[in-house]
């Protein structure tokens, strides 16, 4: 019954609204608030893509959101450290290890929570993982250009490409990404 009402309302809206007035910008502005839960890298990529379409400069924002979400999964929930990731990547075992850890009993019920909130001036995307946290200050001001490493620059890249600021809370297992709408 509710579905029929929604379907009917949508059909009426589409027939009464010229298609040239329905733009991606109008649709993007409809999302004011949302809450999401994810566990896997594929979900992180899909959610980053979805949320980026609700932001200015979506091609840059998708990179920043993806970096933050992947960090929350691999470093936060799964506890893969910098040195360990380096070793796993050299052995071409990084994705296998992520899959193995996602299936482990201690991680099976862990998730990353994402809260999206839009105001007139800014978008806030709060990402919380269920890990122990980390010393984010060590990575926050790192120079992404000077490092020859294959990883370890995600926070700096995310901040410089996509966000007005990153605000870490607590032990470092929660970050709020702030995107300005007044540019």
Protein backbone atom coordinates (compact mmCIF):
# COMPACT_ATOMS: atom_id res chain seq x y z
CA UNK A 1 0.00 0.00 0.00
CA UNK A 2 2.77 2.47 0.94
CA UNK A 3 4.78 1.32 -2.06
CA UNK A 4 1.81 1.96 -4.37
CA UNK A 5 1.43 5.48 -2.96
CA UNK A 6 5.14 6.25 -3.44
CA UNK A 7 5.08 4.78 -6.95
CA UNK A 8 1.97 6.80 -7.83
CA UNK A 9 3.50 10.00 -6.41
CA UNK A 10 6.68 9.44 -8.40
CA UNK A 11 4.76 8.83 -11.64
CA UNK A 12 2.70 12.00 -11.05
CA UNK A 13 5.85 14.00 -10.27
CA UNK A 14 7.61 12.79 -13.42
CA UNK A 15 4.63 13.53 -15.64
CA UNK A 16 4.14 17.01 -14.12
CA UNK A 17 7.82 18.00 -14.13
CA UNK A 18 9.68 18.74 -17.35
CA UNK A 19 12.76 16.50 -17.50
CA UNK A 20 15.01 19.47 -18.24
CA UNK A 21 14.26 20.82 -14.73
CA UNK A 22 15.38 17.63 -12.95
CA UNK A 23 19.12 18.06 -12.69
CA UNK A 24 21.77 16.12 -10.74
CA UNK A 25 22.25 19.27 -8.62
CA UNK A 26 18.56 19.28 -7.62
CA UNK A 27 18.69 15.60 -6.75
CA UNK A 28 21.95 16.01 -4.81
CA UNK A 29 20.48 18.82 -2.73
CA UNK A 30 17.71 16.49 -1.55
CA UNK A 31 20.09 14.58 0.75
CA UNK A 32 20.33 16.56 3.99
CA UNK A 33 21.13 13.79 6.44
CA UNK A 34 22.00 10.11 6.22
CA UNK A 35 23.49 7.30 8.26
CA UNK A 36 25.32 4.34 6.76
CA UNK A 37 27.11 1.18 7.97
CA UNK A 38 29.71 -0.72 6.00
CA UNK A 39 32.28 -3.48 6.43
CA UNK A 40 33.98 -4.17 3.11
CA UNK A 41 36.23 -2.23 0.74
CA UNK A 42 33.71 -2.56 -2.10
CA UNK A 43 31.05 -0.96 0.12
CA UNK A 44 33.49 1.85 0.96
CA UNK A 45 34.01 2.57 -2.74
CA UNK A 46 30.27 2.51 -3.48
CA UNK A 47 29.40 4.78 -0.55
CA UNK A 48 32.21 7.21 -1.42
CA UNK A 49 30.90 7.42 -4.98
CA UNK A 50 27.34 7.98 -3.77
CA UNK A 51 28.23 10.66 -1.20
CA UNK A 52 30.59 12.48 -3.56
CA UNK A 53 27.68 13.23 -5.89
CA UNK A 54 26.15 15.28 -3.09
CA UNK A 55 29.26 17.45 -2.78
CA UNK A 56 30.97 20.16 -4.81
CA UNK A 57 33.90 18.81 -6.87
CA UNK A 58 32.73 15.18 -6.74
CA UNK A 59 35.75 13.82 -8.65
CA UNK A 60 38.09 15.09 -5.94
CA UNK A 61 35.77 14.42 -3.01
CA UNK A 62 35.37 10.76 -3.98
CA UNK A 63 39.13 10.29 -3.55
CA UNK A 64 39.07 11.86 -0.08
CA UNK A 65 36.04 9.94 1.16
CA UNK A 66 37.42 6.67 -0.22
CA UNK A 67 40.75 7.20 1.59
CA UNK A 68 39.03 7.86 4.90
CA UNK A 69 36.65 4.89 4.60
CA UNK A 70 39.36 2.44 3.51
CA UNK A 71 41.55 3.60 6.41
CA UNK A 72 38.68 3.00 8.84
CA UNK A 73 38.27 -0.57 7.58
CA UNK A 74 41.87 -1.68 7.13
CA UNK A 75 43.65 0.21 9.91
CA UNK A 76 40.75 0.77 12.31
CA UNK A 77 38.55 -2.30 12.33
CA UNK A 78 41.09 -4.81 11.03
CA UNK A 79 44.17 -3.45 12.82
CA UNK A 80 46.54 -3.57 9.85
CA UNK A 81 49.47 -1.29 10.69
CA UNK A 82 51.72 0.67 8.34
CA UNK A 83 54.62 -1.81 8.34
CA UNK A 84 52.30 -4.78 8.00
CA UNK A 85 50.52 -3.18 5.04
CA UNK A 86 53.88 -2.52 3.40
CA UNK A 87 54.82 -6.20 3.75
CA UNK A 88 51.41 -7.41 2.54
CA UNK A 89 51.54 -5.17 -0.53
CA UNK A 90 55.07 -6.33 -1.40
CA UNK A 91 53.87 -9.94 -1.18
CA UNK A 92 50.70 -9.10 -3.12
CA UNK A 93 48.63 -10.41 -0.18
CA UNK A 94 46.94 -7.20 0.98
CA UNK A 95 43.43 -7.96 -0.35
CA UNK A 96 43.61 -11.62 0.73
CA UNK A 97 44.55 -10.52 4.24
CA UNK A 98 41.68 -8.04 4.38
CA UNK A 99 39.23 -10.76 3.34
CA UNK A 100 40.73 -13.18 5.90
CA UNK A 101 40.46 -10.63 8.71
CA UNK A 102 36.92 -9.62 7.77
CA UNK A 103 35.92 -13.28 8.24
CA UNK A 104 37.76 -13.70 11.55
CA UNK A 105 35.49 -14.13 14.60
CA UNK A 106 36.91 -11.03 16.33
CA UNK A 107 36.08 -8.83 13.32
CA UNK A 108 32.95 -10.48 12.00
CA UNK A 109 30.62 -7.99 13.69
CA UNK A 110 32.71 -4.83 13.30
CA UNK A 111 31.51 -2.10 10.99
CA UNK A 112 32.26 1.49 10.05
CA UNK A 113 29.51 4.00 10.72
CA UNK A 114 29.15 7.06 8.49
CA UNK A 115 26.95 10.08 9.28
CA UNK A 116 26.26 12.62 6.52
CA UNK A 117 24.90 16.07 7.43
CA UNK A 118 24.41 19.07 5.14
CA UNK A 119 23.91 22.63 6.33
CA UNK A 120 23.64 25.77 4.21
CA UNK A 121 27.42 26.29 4.44
CA UNK A 122 29.05 22.88 4.89
CA UNK A 123 28.79 19.15 4.60
CA UNK A 124 30.00 17.07 7.54
CA UNK A 125 30.82 13.41 6.99
CA UNK A 126 31.61 11.71 10.30
CA UNK A 127 33.34 8.32 10.03
CA UNK A 128 33.64 6.09 13.11
CA UNK A 129 35.35 2.71 13.18
CA UNK A 130 35.41 0.16 15.99
CA UNK A 131 39.18 -0.02 16.27
CA UNK A 132 41.50 1.19 19.02
CA UNK A 133 42.32 4.46 17.27
CA UNK A 134 45.73 5.85 16.33
CA UNK A 135 48.00 8.88 16.69
CA UNK A 136 46.50 10.86 13.81
CA UNK A 137 48.72 13.91 14.46
CA UNK A 138 51.67 11.92 13.10
CA UNK A 139 49.97 11.70 9.67
CA UNK A 140 47.82 14.84 9.59
CA UNK A 141 50.58 17.23 8.44
CA UNK A 142 52.78 14.76 6.57
CA UNK A 143 54.01 15.94 3.18
CA UNK A 144 52.32 13.73 0.57
CA UNK A 145 54.67 14.86 -2.19
CA UNK A 146 57.94 13.99 -0.42
CA UNK A 147 57.16 10.36 0.34
CA UNK A 148 58.17 7.65 -2.11
CA UNK A 149 56.08 5.09 -0.21
CA UNK A 150 53.18 3.31 -1.90
CA UNK A 151 50.87 4.20 0.99
CA UNK A 152 50.71 6.33 4.13
CA UNK A 153 49.63 9.55 2.42
CA UNK A 154 45.87 9.03 2.48
CA UNK A 155 45.03 11.51 5.23
CA UNK A 156 47.12 14.28 3.66
CA UNK A 157 45.74 13.55 0.19
CA UNK A 158 42.17 13.49 1.47
CA UNK A 159 42.59 16.78 3.28
CA UNK A 160 44.36 18.58 0.46
CA UNK A 161 42.14 17.33 -2.38
CA UNK A 162 38.70 17.12 -0.89
CA UNK A 163 38.14 18.67 2.52
CA UNK A 164 38.18 22.06 4.16
CA UNK A 165 39.34 20.25 7.29
CA UNK A 166 39.57 16.90 9.05
CA UNK A 167 38.69 16.82 12.75
CA UNK A 168 39.71 13.74 14.72
CA UNK A 169 37.99 12.87 18.00
CA UNK A 170 38.74 10.63 20.93
CA UNK A 171 41.38 7.96 20.43
CA UNK A 172 41.52 8.64 16.70
CA UNK A 173 38.84 6.20 15.62
CA UNK A 174 36.45 8.99 14.62
CA UNK A 175 37.03 11.71 12.04
CA UNK A 176 34.73 14.40 10.69
CA UNK A 177 35.42 15.47 7.12
CA UNK A 178 34.24 19.02 6.47
CA UNK A 179 33.45 20.19 2.95
CA UNK A 180 32.68 23.84 2.27
CA UNK A 181 29.66 24.67 0.14
CA UNK A 182 30.69 28.32 -0.12
CA UNK A 183 33.52 28.25 -2.66
